[in-house]
Amino acid sequence: GYGANYKWVDNYFWEGSPQFTGPVPSFVVVDAQINYTLKKQNLNFKIGASNLLNNEHIEAYGGPMIGRMMYINILYELKKE
């Protein structure tokens, strides 16, 4: 299986405490994941990335820059008798 997600966020004004109030510029994020299942072995493999294009951005004024996060997941299911 596979999946992809495209997210565009328009610029907005973040209101927090007085020192953390200000504009947040618009940004684009692309997420993607692929997975593969081995039914006989009860295994599922997933690999994916959030913010695949590494478009560093902020989501709150004064907050940290957010970049790419990649992951690998291996799931083994115990057989139910």
C-alpha atoms as a PDB file:
ATOM      1  CA  GLY A   1       0.000   0.000   0.000  1.00  0.00           C
ATOM      2  CA  TYR A   2       0.957   3.635  -0.193  1.00  0.00           C
ATOM      3  CA  GLY A   3      -0.290   7.083   0.688  1.00  0.00           C
ATOM      4  CA  ALA A   4       0.598  10.710   0.118  1.00  0.00           C
ATOM      5  CA  ASN A   5      -0.688  13.967   1.534  1.00  0.00           C
ATOM      6  CA  TYR A   6      -0.180  17.565   0.351  1.00  0.00           C
ATOM      7  CA  LYS A   7      -0.922  20.367   2.805  1.00  0.00           C
ATOM      8  CA  TRP A   8      -0.851  24.100   2.092  1.00  0.00           C
ATOM      9  CA  VAL A   9      -1.331  26.513   4.999  1.00  0.00           C
ATOM     10  CA  ASP A  10      -1.946  30.211   4.314  1.00  0.00           C
ATOM     11  CA  ASN A  11      -0.174  32.855   6.377  1.00  0.00           C
ATOM     12  CA  TYR A  12      -1.859  33.774   9.658  1.00  0.00           C
ATOM     13  CA  PHE A  13      -1.368  35.895  12.767  1.00  0.00           C
ATOM     14  CA  TRP A  14      -0.361  33.934  15.876  1.00  0.00           C
ATOM     15  CA  GLU A  15      -1.533  35.398  19.195  1.00  0.00           C
ATOM     16  CA  GLY A  16       0.262  34.050  22.244  1.00  0.00           C
ATOM     17  CA  SER A  17       1.902  35.908  25.091  1.00  0.00           C
ATOM     18  CA  PRO A  18       3.100  39.466  24.252  1.00  0.00           C
ATOM     19  CA  GLN A  19       6.613  38.335  23.232  1.00  0.00           C
ATOM     20  CA  PHE A  20       5.203  35.493  21.062  1.00  0.00           C
ATOM     21  CA  THR A  21       2.625  37.348  18.984  1.00  0.00           C
ATOM     22  CA  GLY A  22       3.220  37.902  15.298  1.00  0.00           C
ATOM     23  CA  PRO A  23       2.833  36.695  11.717  1.00  0.00           C
ATOM     24  CA  VAL A  24       3.446  33.119  10.559  1.00  0.00           C
ATOM     25  CA  PRO A  25       4.228  32.834   6.820  1.00  0.00           C
ATOM     26  CA  SER A  26       2.423  30.333   4.583  1.00  0.00           C
ATOM     27  CA  PHE A  27       4.017  26.917   4.031  1.00  0.00           C
ATOM     28  CA  VAL A  28       3.601  23.657   2.105  1.00  0.00           C
ATOM     29  CA  VAL A  29       4.149  20.151   3.498  1.00  0.00           C
ATOM     30  CA  VAL A  30       4.184  16.817   1.619  1.00  0.00           C
ATOM     31  CA  ASP A  31       3.878  13.544   3.569  1.00  0.00           C
ATOM     32  CA  ALA A  32       4.309  10.064   2.067  1.00  0.00           C
ATOM     33  CA  GLN A  33       4.264   6.456   3.233  1.00  0.00           C
ATOM     34  CA  ILE A  34       4.606   3.013   1.678  1.00  0.00           C
ATOM     35  CA  ASN A  35       3.861  -0.300   3.363  1.00  0.00           C
ATOM     36  CA  TYR A  36       4.197  -3.989   2.592  1.00  0.00           C
ATOM     37  CA  THR A  37       2.600  -6.964   4.352  1.00  0.00           C
ATOM     38  CA  LEU A  38       3.865 -10.541   4.522  1.00  0.00           C
ATOM     39  CA  LYS A  39       0.696 -12.400   5.559  1.00  0.00           C
ATOM     40  CA  LYS A  40       2.260 -15.834   6.151  1.00  0.00           C
ATOM     41  CA  GLN A  41       4.883 -14.343   8.484  1.00  0.00           C
ATOM     42  CA  ASN A  42       2.387 -11.923  10.148  1.00  0.00           C
ATOM     43  CA  LEU A  43       4.720  -9.000   9.340  1.00  0.00           C
ATOM     44  CA  ASN A  44       3.994  -5.473   8.170  1.00  0.00           C
ATOM     45  CA  PHE A  45       6.702  -3.005   7.084  1.00  0.00           C
ATOM     46  CA  LYS A  46       6.165   0.753   6.784  1.00  0.00           C
ATOM     47  CA  ILE A  47       8.527   3.499   5.691  1.00  0.00           C
ATOM     48  CA  GLY A  48       7.555   7.120   5.371  1.00  0.00           C
ATOM     49  CA  ALA A  49       8.325  10.758   5.885  1.00  0.00           C
ATOM     50  CA  SER A  50       6.537  13.777   7.241  1.00  0.00           C
ATOM     51  CA  ASN A  51       7.542  16.980   5.405  1.00  0.00           C
ATOM     52  CA  LEU A  52       9.252  14.864   2.744  1.00  0.00           C
ATOM     53  CA  LEU A  53      10.640  17.891   0.873  1.00  0.00           C
ATOM     54  CA  ASN A  54      12.203  19.281   4.090  1.00  0.00           C
ATOM     55  CA  ASN A  55      10.457  22.648   3.754  1.00  0.00           C
ATOM     56  CA  GLU A  56      11.544  24.133   7.091  1.00  0.00           C
ATOM     57  CA  HIS A  57       8.783  26.309   8.541  1.00  0.00           C
ATOM     58  CA  ILE A  58       7.270  27.569  11.782  1.00  0.00           C
ATOM     59  CA  GLU A  59       3.728  26.884  12.934  1.00  0.00           C
ATOM     60  CA  ALA A  60       3.703  29.317  15.866  1.00  0.00           C
ATOM     61  CA  TYR A  61       5.355  32.740  16.049  1.00  0.00           C
ATOM     62  CA  GLY A  62       8.564  32.388  18.074  1.00  0.00           C
ATOM     63  CA  GLY A  63       8.416  28.597  17.796  1.00  0.00           C
ATOM     64  CA  PRO A  64      11.145  26.292  16.456  1.00  0.00           C
ATOM     65  CA  MET A  65      11.755  25.544  12.786  1.00  0.00           C
ATOM     66  CA  ILE A  66      10.103  22.259  11.781  1.00  0.00           C
ATOM     67  CA  GLY A  67      11.828  20.045   9.215  1.00  0.00           C
ATOM     68  CA  ARG A  68      11.626  16.498   7.871  1.00  0.00           C
ATOM     69  CA  MET A  69      10.906  13.454  10.014  1.00  0.00           C
ATOM     70  CA  MET A  70      11.439   9.979   8.552  1.00  0.00           C
ATOM     71  CA  TYR A  71      10.387   6.694  10.096  1.00  0.00           C
ATOM     72  CA  ILE A  72      10.520   2.926   9.663  1.00  0.00           C
ATOM     73  CA  ASN A  73       8.060   0.610  11.367  1.00  0.00           C
ATOM     74  CA  ILE A  74       8.094  -3.192  11.576  1.00  0.00           C
ATOM     75  CA  LEU A  75       5.020  -4.827  13.092  1.00  0.00           C
ATOM     76  CA  TYR A  76       4.806  -8.489  14.039  1.00  0.00           C
ATOM     77  CA  GLU A  77       1.393  -9.803  15.059  1.00  0.00           C
ATOM     78  CA  LEU A  78       1.153 -12.837  17.310  1.00  0.00           C
ATOM     79  CA  LYS A  79      -1.085 -15.525  15.852  1.00  0.00           C
ATOM     80  CA  LYS A  80      -4.453 -15.863  17.519  1.00  0.00           C
ATOM     81  CA  GLU A  81      -5.339 -19.479  18.216  1.00  0.00           C
END
